[in-house]
Amino acid sequence: MWSLWSLLLFQGLLPIVVISVQVLSKVGDSGLLVAECPPGFQVREAIWRSLWPSEELLATFFRGSLETLYHSRFLGRVQLYDNLSLELGPLRTGDSGNFSVLMVDTGGQTWTQTLHLKVYDAVPKPEVQVFTAATEEAQPLNTCQVFLSCWAPNISDITYSWRREGTMDFNGELRSLFSNGQVLSVSLGLGDKDVAFTCIASNPVSWDMTTVTPWESCHHEAASSGKASYKDVLLVVMPITLFLILAGLFGAWHHGLCSGKRKDACTDRALPETESAVA
């Protein structure tokens, strides 16, 4: 083991060749850091380390023995294989970072490989909302202008794309309002009642999608607007109608009171007023 620690201390004095590799994976999966060396390079010793965000010793190969019993944030999640590749997992969100493997051949020559591990969250099923534009006079009849908004919550490095189902080439038919493709503007006609659109949310290691049929929202919006207008009419017309009916009944009752059997009473009540006027 002394040889390994000496190698770590004095590696700056040795001729070292460095190559860099990027490894992508997602939370819950395993990330395989493959150790690669030039042809004919006979590995005698090897050291795997985490360089960032913290420098830790992860695994070693010394005198033909594989060793991974080191106290690090990957304790219990490290596997060193015979080909000196290192597997980490299951991965967590904070496992992204830089790693290195330093290898020494039988002649004392060294070879260093650095790897950047990037761990992404798995993309959840995106949410799609359909918004209908207000009807304008310039807009053709029996058409519906909709805006489709796609969103995958709490995820970074997301890209969005849209697909019109049953159509391979939809360039020119769909118009995105933002550069990342998150909002789509679509004009629908009567022939597009069954047309569906799919939002695909993805990052470098995973993807998911949601499909909607926007004409259903157009129909629902129209139906909802019709019901709302009908209720508004009832709220205004019914009180006025009721008032007119009651006023008519009261007028008829008052007219009957003065013209029927009680006509004399009305006349008698009017005579004193006449006599007083003559006097």
Protein backbone atom coordinates (compact mmCIF):
# COMPACT_ATOMS: atom_id res chain seq x y z
CA MET A 1 0.00 0.00 0.00
CA TRP A 2 2.96 2.30 0.58
CA SER A 3 3.64 2.22 -3.15
CA LEU A 4 0.18 3.61 -3.87
CA TRP A 5 0.48 6.50 -1.44
CA SER A 6 3.95 7.29 -2.79
CA LEU A 7 2.48 7.37 -6.27
CA LEU A 8 -0.18 9.86 -5.15
CA LEU A 9 2.41 12.12 -3.52
CA PHE A 10 4.93 12.12 -6.33
CA GLN A 11 2.74 11.73 -9.39
CA GLY A 12 3.53 15.32 -10.34
CA LEU A 13 7.14 14.29 -10.94
CA LEU A 14 6.20 11.43 -13.29
CA PRO A 15 5.40 11.66 -17.01
CA ILE A 16 1.60 11.55 -17.12
CA VAL A 17 -0.76 11.41 -20.11
CA VAL A 18 -4.31 12.63 -19.42
CA ILE A 19 -7.52 12.06 -21.38
CA SER A 20 -11.02 13.29 -20.45
CA VAL A 21 -14.40 11.54 -20.87
CA GLN A 22 -17.99 12.58 -20.08
CA VAL A 23 -20.44 10.08 -18.59
CA LEU A 24 -24.20 10.74 -18.42
CA SER A 25 -26.69 8.90 -16.23
CA LYS A 26 -29.87 9.49 -14.23
CA VAL A 27 -30.98 9.25 -10.62
CA GLY A 28 -31.56 5.66 -9.55
CA ASP A 29 -29.40 4.16 -12.30
CA SER A 30 -25.74 3.16 -12.20
CA GLY A 31 -22.91 5.05 -13.85
CA LEU A 32 -20.03 3.07 -15.33
CA LEU A 33 -16.67 4.85 -15.40
CA VAL A 34 -14.64 2.89 -17.91
CA ALA A 35 -10.86 2.80 -17.46
CA GLU A 36 -9.11 3.00 -20.81
CA CYS A 37 -5.37 2.83 -21.47
CA PRO A 38 -3.18 2.63 -24.60
CA PRO A 39 -2.60 -0.71 -26.34
CA GLY A 40 0.14 -2.72 -24.69
CA PHE A 41 -0.16 -0.81 -21.41
CA GLN A 42 0.17 -3.53 -18.74
CA VAL A 43 -1.46 -2.14 -15.61
CA ARG A 44 0.36 -2.92 -12.39
CA GLU A 45 -1.39 -0.49 -10.06
CA ALA A 46 -4.46 1.76 -10.31
CA ILE A 47 -6.16 4.34 -8.12
CA TRP A 48 -9.70 5.70 -8.52
CA ARG A 49 -10.45 9.05 -6.90
CA SER A 50 -13.25 11.58 -6.70
CA LEU A 51 -11.83 15.02 -7.52
CA TRP A 52 -14.86 17.30 -7.21
CA PRO A 53 -16.91 18.38 -5.31
CA SER A 54 -14.72 16.62 -2.74
CA GLU A 55 -11.44 14.73 -3.13
CA GLU A 56 -11.82 11.16 -1.90
CA LEU A 57 -10.17 7.82 -2.48
CA LEU A 58 -12.70 5.37 -3.94
CA ALA A 59 -10.94 2.17 -5.01
CA THR A 60 -7.51 0.72 -5.73
CA PHE A 61 -5.88 -2.10 -7.62
CA PHE A 62 -2.60 -3.25 -6.02
CA ARG A 63 -0.69 -6.49 -6.38
CA GLY A 64 -3.61 -8.11 -8.16
CA SER A 65 -6.13 -7.21 -5.43
CA LEU A 66 -9.22 -5.04 -5.95
CA GLU A 67 -10.07 -2.85 -2.99
CA THR A 68 -13.13 -0.58 -2.53
CA LEU A 69 -13.42 -0.43 1.28
CA TYR A 70 -12.88 3.29 1.64
CA HIS A 71 -14.96 5.76 3.55
CA SER A 72 -16.46 8.10 0.98
CA ARG A 73 -19.88 9.38 -0.02
CA PHE A 74 -20.06 6.35 -2.32
CA LEU A 75 -19.48 3.83 0.46
CA GLY A 76 -21.56 0.75 -0.31
CA ARG A 77 -22.29 2.03 -3.84
CA VAL A 78 -18.92 1.29 -5.48
CA GLN A 79 -17.93 -1.73 -7.56
CA LEU A 80 -14.45 -2.13 -9.09
CA TYR A 81 -14.25 -4.71 -11.88
CA ASP A 82 -11.36 -6.78 -13.16
CA ASN A 83 -10.98 -4.49 -16.17
CA LEU A 84 -10.50 -1.63 -13.64
CA SER A 85 -13.75 0.09 -14.62
CA LEU A 86 -15.65 1.61 -11.70
CA GLU A 87 -19.42 1.38 -11.28
CA LEU A 88 -21.27 3.82 -9.02
CA GLY A 89 -24.88 3.36 -8.05
CA PRO A 90 -27.65 3.68 -7.41
CA LEU A 91 -26.92 7.31 -8.22
CA ARG A 92 -28.28 10.31 -6.35
CA THR A 93 -28.80 13.92 -7.40
CA GLY A 94 -25.60 15.12 -5.70
CA ASP A 95 -23.33 12.48 -7.25
CA SER A 96 -22.35 14.61 -10.25
CA GLY A 97 -18.67 15.45 -10.29
CA ASN A 98 -15.18 14.79 -11.62
CA PHE A 99 -13.33 11.49 -11.17
CA SER A 100 -9.92 10.20 -12.15
CA VAL A 101 -8.13 6.91 -12.49
CA LEU A 102 -4.32 6.84 -12.29
CA MET A 103 -2.72 3.70 -13.73
CA VAL A 104 0.90 2.56 -13.62
CA ASP A 105 2.32 -0.06 -15.98
CA THR A 106 4.99 -2.61 -15.26
CA GLY A 107 7.66 -0.24 -16.55
CA GLY A 108 6.66 2.63 -14.24
CA GLN A 109 4.91 4.70 -16.91
CA THR A 110 1.68 6.38 -15.80
CA TRP A 111 -1.59 7.07 -17.53
CA THR A 112 -4.33 9.28 -16.06
CA GLN A 113 -7.90 9.44 -17.24
CA THR A 114 -10.39 12.01 -15.95
CA LEU A 115 -14.14 11.54 -16.25
CA HIS A 116 -17.02 13.94 -15.62
CA LEU A 117 -20.15 12.26 -14.33
CA LYS A 118 -23.39 14.18 -14.84
CA VAL A 119 -26.45 12.81 -13.03
CA TYR A 120 -29.86 13.96 -14.25
CA ASP A 121 -33.28 13.55 -12.74
CA ALA A 122 -35.62 11.32 -14.74
CA VAL A 123 -38.07 13.38 -16.78
CA PRO A 124 -41.61 13.04 -15.38
CA LYS A 125 -44.73 12.92 -17.55
CA PRO A 126 -45.20 16.50 -18.78
CA GLU A 127 -48.35 18.48 -18.15
CA VAL A 128 -50.12 20.00 -21.16
CA GLN A 129 -52.68 22.79 -20.87
CA VAL A 130 -54.87 24.00 -23.72
CA PHE A 131 -55.85 27.66 -23.95
CA THR A 132 -58.32 28.94 -26.52
CA ALA A 133 -57.93 32.40 -28.02
CA ALA A 134 -60.77 34.89 -27.90
CA THR A 135 -62.93 34.88 -31.03
CA GLU A 136 -62.23 37.80 -33.35
CA GLU A 137 -64.23 39.12 -36.27
CA ALA A 138 -61.28 38.56 -38.60
CA GLN A 139 -61.05 34.91 -37.61
CA PRO A 140 -62.77 32.52 -40.06
CA LEU A 141 -65.94 30.84 -38.91
CA ASN A 142 -65.79 27.31 -37.50
CA THR A 143 -62.11 27.69 -36.57
CA CYS A 144 -60.40 27.57 -33.21
CA GLN A 145 -57.07 29.17 -32.33
CA VAL A 146 -55.42 27.32 -29.43
CA PHE A 147 -52.20 27.58 -27.48
CA LEU A 148 -50.70 24.38 -26.10
CA SER A 149 -48.44 24.82 -23.08
CA CYS A 150 -46.16 21.96 -22.02
CA TRP A 151 -44.30 21.82 -18.71
CA ALA A 152 -42.27 19.21 -16.80
CA PRO A 153 -42.10 20.28 -13.13
CA ASN A 154 -38.91 20.64 -11.06
CA ILE A 155 -36.56 19.48 -13.81
CA SER A 156 -33.61 21.33 -15.34
CA ASP A 157 -31.97 20.96 -18.76
CA ILE A 158 -35.32 20.14 -20.34
CA THR A 159 -36.03 20.52 -24.03
CA TYR A 160 -39.52 20.38 -25.54
CA SER A 161 -40.70 19.22 -28.94
CA TRP A 162 -44.12 18.72 -30.53
CA ARG A 163 -45.47 16.09 -32.85
CA ARG A 164 -48.72 16.09 -34.76
CA GLU A 165 -49.95 12.52 -34.62
CA GLY A 166 -50.20 10.80 -37.97
CA THR A 167 -48.03 13.43 -39.67
CA MET A 168 -44.35 12.83 -40.25
CA ASP A 169 -43.46 16.33 -41.43
CA PHE A 170 -45.24 19.10 -39.57
CA ASN A 171 -42.87 21.98 -40.41
CA GLY A 172 -44.92 25.02 -41.27
CA GLU A 173 -48.07 23.65 -39.63
CA LEU A 174 -47.01 24.15 -36.03
CA ARG A 175 -45.62 27.43 -34.70
CA SER A 176 -43.72 27.59 -31.43
CA LEU A 177 -43.94 30.83 -29.45
CA PHE A 178 -40.69 30.28 -27.51
CA SER A 179 -37.26 29.06 -28.53
CA ASN A 180 -37.43 26.03 -26.21
CA GLY A 181 -40.68 24.87 -27.82
CA GLN A 182 -42.65 24.98 -24.58
CA VAL A 183 -45.71 26.78 -26.03
CA LEU A 184 -47.29 25.94 -29.37
CA SER A 185 -49.81 27.94 -31.40
CA VAL A 186 -52.23 25.92 -33.52
CA SER A 187 -55.17 26.92 -35.73
CA LEU A 188 -57.83 24.22 -36.01
CA GLY A 189 -60.76 23.81 -38.37
CA LEU A 190 -63.76 21.51 -38.50
CA GLY A 191 -61.63 18.86 -40.16
CA ASP A 192 -59.21 18.83 -37.21
CA LYS A 193 -61.62 17.54 -34.59
CA ASP A 194 -59.67 14.29 -34.18
CA VAL A 195 -56.16 15.75 -34.61
CA ALA A 196 -53.92 15.07 -31.60
CA PHE A 197 -50.67 16.74 -30.61
CA THR A 198 -47.93 15.19 -28.47
CA CYS A 199 -45.51 17.13 -26.29
CA ILE A 200 -42.18 15.36 -25.75
CA ALA A 201 -40.11 16.53 -22.78
CA SER A 202 -36.55 15.25 -22.64
CA ASN A 203 -33.12 15.68 -21.14
CA PRO A 204 -29.90 13.93 -22.21
CA VAL A 205 -30.79 10.65 -20.45
CA SER A 206 -34.60 10.31 -20.34
CA TRP A 207 -37.87 11.48 -21.85
CA ASP A 208 -41.64 11.28 -21.47
CA MET A 209 -44.63 12.57 -23.39
CA THR A 210 -48.28 13.60 -23.17
CA THR A 211 -50.86 13.65 -25.97
CA VAL A 212 -53.91 15.93 -26.16
CA THR A 213 -56.74 16.54 -28.62
CA PRO A 214 -57.20 20.34 -28.53
CA TRP A 215 -60.52 20.45 -30.42
CA GLU A 216 -62.19 18.95 -27.35
CA SER A 217 -61.17 22.06 -25.41
CA CYS A 218 -62.56 24.26 -28.18
CA HIS A 219 -65.91 22.44 -28.01
CA HIS A 220 -65.93 22.51 -24.23
CA GLU A 221 -65.12 26.21 -24.22
CA ALA A 222 -67.93 26.94 -26.65
CA ALA A 223 -70.37 24.85 -24.68
CA SER A 224 -69.30 26.46 -21.42
CA SER A 225 -69.69 29.91 -22.94
CA GLY A 226 -73.20 29.04 -24.17
CA LYS A 227 -74.28 27.80 -20.78
CA ALA A 228 -72.88 30.85 -19.10
CA SER A 229 -74.77 33.15 -21.48
CA TYR A 230 -78.00 31.23 -20.92
CA LYS A 231 -77.66 31.58 -17.16
CA ASP A 232 -76.92 35.27 -17.53
CA VAL A 233 -80.10 35.71 -19.57
CA LEU A 234 -82.15 33.88 -16.96
CA LEU A 235 -80.71 35.98 -14.16
CA VAL A 236 -81.74 39.18 -15.94
CA VAL A 237 -85.01 38.20 -17.64
CA MET A 238 -86.68 36.18 -14.88
CA PRO A 239 -86.86 38.98 -12.25
CA ILE A 240 -88.21 41.44 -14.84
CA THR A 241 -90.81 38.93 -16.07
CA LEU A 242 -91.89 38.14 -12.53
CA PHE A 243 -92.21 41.84 -11.75
CA LEU A 244 -94.39 42.44 -14.82
CA ILE A 245 -96.62 39.49 -13.97
CA LEU A 246 -97.14 40.70 -10.42
CA ALA A 247 -97.77 44.24 -11.62
CA GLY A 248 -100.36 42.96 -14.10
CA LEU A 249 -102.12 40.89 -11.44
CA PHE A 250 -102.20 43.84 -9.05
CA GLY A 251 -103.60 46.12 -11.78
CA ALA A 252 -106.28 43.60 -12.70
CA TRP A 253 -107.25 43.15 -9.07
CA HIS A 254 -107.48 46.91 -8.53
CA HIS A 255 -109.54 47.39 -11.70
CA GLY A 256 -111.93 44.62 -10.66
CA LEU A 257 -112.27 46.17 -7.25
CA CYS A 258 -113.56 49.42 -8.72
CA SER A 259 -115.70 48.03 -11.53
CA GLY A 260 -117.45 44.99 -10.02
CA LYS A 261 -119.67 44.62 -7.06
CA ARG A 262 -117.82 47.38 -5.25
CA LYS A 263 -118.36 49.96 -7.99
CA ASP A 264 -120.87 51.84 -5.81
CA ALA A 265 -118.45 52.07 -2.97
CA CYS A 266 -115.97 53.64 -5.26
CA THR A 267 -118.57 56.04 -6.61
CA ASP A 268 -119.79 56.98 -3.13
CA ARG A 269 -116.24 57.67 -2.11
CA ALA A 270 -115.83 59.93 -5.10
CA LEU A 271 -119.09 61.95 -4.62
CA PRO A 272 -118.11 63.90 -1.51
CA GLU A 273 -115.04 65.03 -3.30
CA THR A 274 -117.23 66.25 -6.23
CA GLU A 275 -119.68 68.03 -3.96
CA SER A 276 -116.91 69.69 -2.11
CA ALA A 277 -115.52 70.91 -5.40
CA VAL A 278 -118.92 72.36 -6.44
CA ALA A 279 -119.43 74.02 -3.08
